[in-house]
Amino acid sequence: MKKKELVEAIVAKTEMAKKDVLMVLETMTEVVKSTVTKEAVEIPGIVKIEKKHRAARMGRNPMTGESISIPAKTVLKARVLKKLKDAVMK
């Protein structure tokens, strides 16, 4: 489901104006972007998004077998919440 389809589904279910639904989704996106840099963000019943630090580690080049150093980096981790998992697995 793309953004357009999601908006249409929400409009059909809630009878809100399409522009209002778009504004809510865009605002939610901005809030998540600005907040996840500082702390974890949970969209209730759907997903938890958090910033994690990955430590530097040694890896191996699969072509040559040579050991390589993989630098530390920050990644985003998204975890599907139990409520959604249970609903999908039924």
C-alpha atoms as a PDB file:
ATOM      1  CA  MET A   1       0.000   0.000   0.000  1.00  0.00           C
ATOM      2  CA  LYS A   2       1.420   3.334  -1.079  1.00  0.00           C
ATOM      3  CA  LYS A   3       0.831   6.699   0.592  1.00  0.00           C
ATOM      4  CA  LYS A   4      -1.985   7.608  -1.813  1.00  0.00           C
ATOM      5  CA  GLU A   5      -3.819   4.336  -1.110  1.00  0.00           C
ATOM      6  CA  LEU A   6      -3.301   4.742   2.643  1.00  0.00           C
ATOM      7  CA  VAL A   7      -4.748   8.252   2.544  1.00  0.00           C
ATOM      8  CA  GLU A   8      -7.760   7.064   0.554  1.00  0.00           C
ATOM      9  CA  ALA A   9      -8.374   4.185   2.989  1.00  0.00           C
ATOM     10  CA  ILE A  10      -8.211   6.534   5.991  1.00  0.00           C
ATOM     11  CA  VAL A  11     -10.527   9.040   4.287  1.00  0.00           C
ATOM     12  CA  ALA A  12     -13.049   6.277   3.539  1.00  0.00           C
ATOM     13  CA  LYS A  13     -12.964   4.967   7.109  1.00  0.00           C
ATOM     14  CA  THR A  14     -12.970   8.276   8.994  1.00  0.00           C
ATOM     15  CA  GLU A  15     -14.716  10.637   6.570  1.00  0.00           C
ATOM     16  CA  MET A  16     -11.970  13.206   7.238  1.00  0.00           C
ATOM     17  CA  ALA A  17     -10.970  15.539   4.435  1.00  0.00           C
ATOM     18  CA  LYS A  18      -8.167  14.216   2.242  1.00  0.00           C
ATOM     19  CA  LYS A  19      -6.021  17.322   2.890  1.00  0.00           C
ATOM     20  CA  ASP A  20      -6.389  16.823   6.666  1.00  0.00           C
ATOM     21  CA  VAL A  21      -5.276  13.186   6.439  1.00  0.00           C
ATOM     22  CA  LEU A  22      -2.289  14.203   4.301  1.00  0.00           C
ATOM     23  CA  MET A  23      -1.370  16.909   6.820  1.00  0.00           C
ATOM     24  CA  VAL A  24      -1.533  14.411   9.710  1.00  0.00           C
ATOM     25  CA  LEU A  25       0.677  11.888   7.878  1.00  0.00           C
ATOM     26  CA  GLU A  26       3.220  14.533   6.874  1.00  0.00           C
ATOM     27  CA  THR A  27       3.300  15.959  10.405  1.00  0.00           C
ATOM     28  CA  MET A  28       3.732  12.476  11.879  1.00  0.00           C
ATOM     29  CA  THR A  29       6.646  11.852   9.504  1.00  0.00           C
ATOM     30  CA  GLU A  30       8.347  15.094  10.551  1.00  0.00           C
ATOM     31  CA  VAL A  31       7.817  14.376  14.260  1.00  0.00           C
ATOM     32  CA  VAL A  32       9.257  10.866  13.899  1.00  0.00           C
ATOM     33  CA  LYS A  33      12.284  12.180  11.961  1.00  0.00           C
ATOM     34  CA  SER A  34      13.073  14.846  14.544  1.00  0.00           C
ATOM     35  CA  THR A  35      12.393  12.665  17.587  1.00  0.00           C
ATOM     36  CA  VAL A  36      14.150   9.430  16.590  1.00  0.00           C
ATOM     37  CA  THR A  37      17.511  11.225  16.659  1.00  0.00           C
ATOM     38  CA  LYS A  38      17.057  11.722  20.417  1.00  0.00           C
ATOM     39  CA  GLU A  39      14.880   8.822  21.574  1.00  0.00           C
ATOM     40  CA  ALA A  40      12.880   5.810  20.409  1.00  0.00           C
ATOM     41  CA  VAL A  41       9.532   6.458  18.728  1.00  0.00           C
ATOM     42  CA  GLU A  42       6.616   4.062  19.046  1.00  0.00           C
ATOM     43  CA  ILE A  43       3.597   4.199  16.775  1.00  0.00           C
ATOM     44  CA  PRO A  44       1.160   2.408  19.104  1.00  0.00           C
ATOM     45  CA  GLY A  45       0.277  -1.105  18.036  1.00  0.00           C
ATOM     46  CA  ILE A  46       2.385  -0.935  14.871  1.00  0.00           C
ATOM     47  CA  VAL A  47       6.123  -0.295  15.137  1.00  0.00           C
ATOM     48  CA  LYS A  48       8.900   0.961  17.405  1.00  0.00           C
ATOM     49  CA  ILE A  49      11.761   2.846  15.728  1.00  0.00           C
ATOM     50  CA  GLU A  50      15.021   3.529  17.508  1.00  0.00           C
ATOM     51  CA  LYS A  51      18.536   4.678  16.754  1.00  0.00           C
ATOM     52  CA  LYS A  52      21.238   2.103  17.555  1.00  0.00           C
ATOM     53  CA  HIS A  53      25.024   2.361  17.546  1.00  0.00           C
ATOM     54  CA  ARG A  54      26.886  -0.493  15.874  1.00  0.00           C
ATOM     55  CA  ALA A  55      30.414  -0.975  17.140  1.00  0.00           C
ATOM     56  CA  ALA A  56      33.372  -1.302  14.792  1.00  0.00           C
ATOM     57  CA  ARG A  57      34.156  -4.903  13.922  1.00  0.00           C
ATOM     58  CA  MET A  58      36.259  -7.107  11.712  1.00  0.00           C
ATOM     59  CA  GLY A  59      34.695  -8.594   8.597  1.00  0.00           C
ATOM     60  CA  ARG A  60      35.822 -10.635   5.651  1.00  0.00           C
ATOM     61  CA  ASN A  61      35.847  -9.784   1.961  1.00  0.00           C
ATOM     62  CA  PRO A  62      33.898 -12.686   0.399  1.00  0.00           C
ATOM     63  CA  MET A  63      35.790 -12.427  -2.917  1.00  0.00           C
ATOM     64  CA  THR A  64      39.342 -12.511  -1.555  1.00  0.00           C
ATOM     65  CA  GLY A  65      38.918 -13.836   1.983  1.00  0.00           C
ATOM     66  CA  GLU A  66      40.904 -10.837   3.224  1.00  0.00           C
ATOM     67  CA  SER A  67      40.046  -9.451   6.689  1.00  0.00           C
ATOM     68  CA  ILE A  68      38.668  -5.928   6.600  1.00  0.00           C
ATOM     69  CA  SER A  69      37.806  -3.408   9.266  1.00  0.00           C
ATOM     70  CA  ILE A  70      34.150  -2.335   9.309  1.00  0.00           C
ATOM     71  CA  PRO A  71      33.813   1.087  10.974  1.00  0.00           C
ATOM     72  CA  ALA A  72      31.310   1.929  13.699  1.00  0.00           C
ATOM     73  CA  LYS A  73      28.056   3.463  12.529  1.00  0.00           C
ATOM     74  CA  THR A  74      24.605   4.500  13.650  1.00  0.00           C
ATOM     75  CA  VAL A  75      21.599   2.658  12.204  1.00  0.00           C
ATOM     76  CA  LEU A  76      17.830   2.778  12.575  1.00  0.00           C
ATOM     77  CA  LYS A  77      16.133  -0.311  13.932  1.00  0.00           C
ATOM     78  CA  ALA A  78      12.410  -0.863  13.382  1.00  0.00           C
ATOM     79  CA  ARG A  79      10.618  -3.511  15.420  1.00  0.00           C
ATOM     80  CA  VAL A  80       7.095  -4.641  14.598  1.00  0.00           C
ATOM     81  CA  LEU A  81       5.016  -4.660  17.778  1.00  0.00           C
ATOM     82  CA  LYS A  82       3.245  -7.732  19.140  1.00  0.00           C
ATOM     83  CA  LYS A  83      -0.260  -6.397  18.508  1.00  0.00           C
ATOM     84  CA  LEU A  84       0.391  -6.110  14.755  1.00  0.00           C
ATOM     85  CA  LYS A  85       2.286  -9.418  14.608  1.00  0.00           C
ATOM     86  CA  ASP A  86      -0.618 -11.206  16.275  1.00  0.00           C
ATOM     87  CA  ALA A  87      -3.147  -9.633  13.900  1.00  0.00           C
ATOM     88  CA  VAL A  88      -1.138 -10.637  10.818  1.00  0.00           C
ATOM     89  CA  MET A  89      -0.365 -14.176  11.997  1.00  0.00           C
ATOM     90  CA  LYS A  90      -4.023 -15.126  12.571  1.00  0.00           C
END
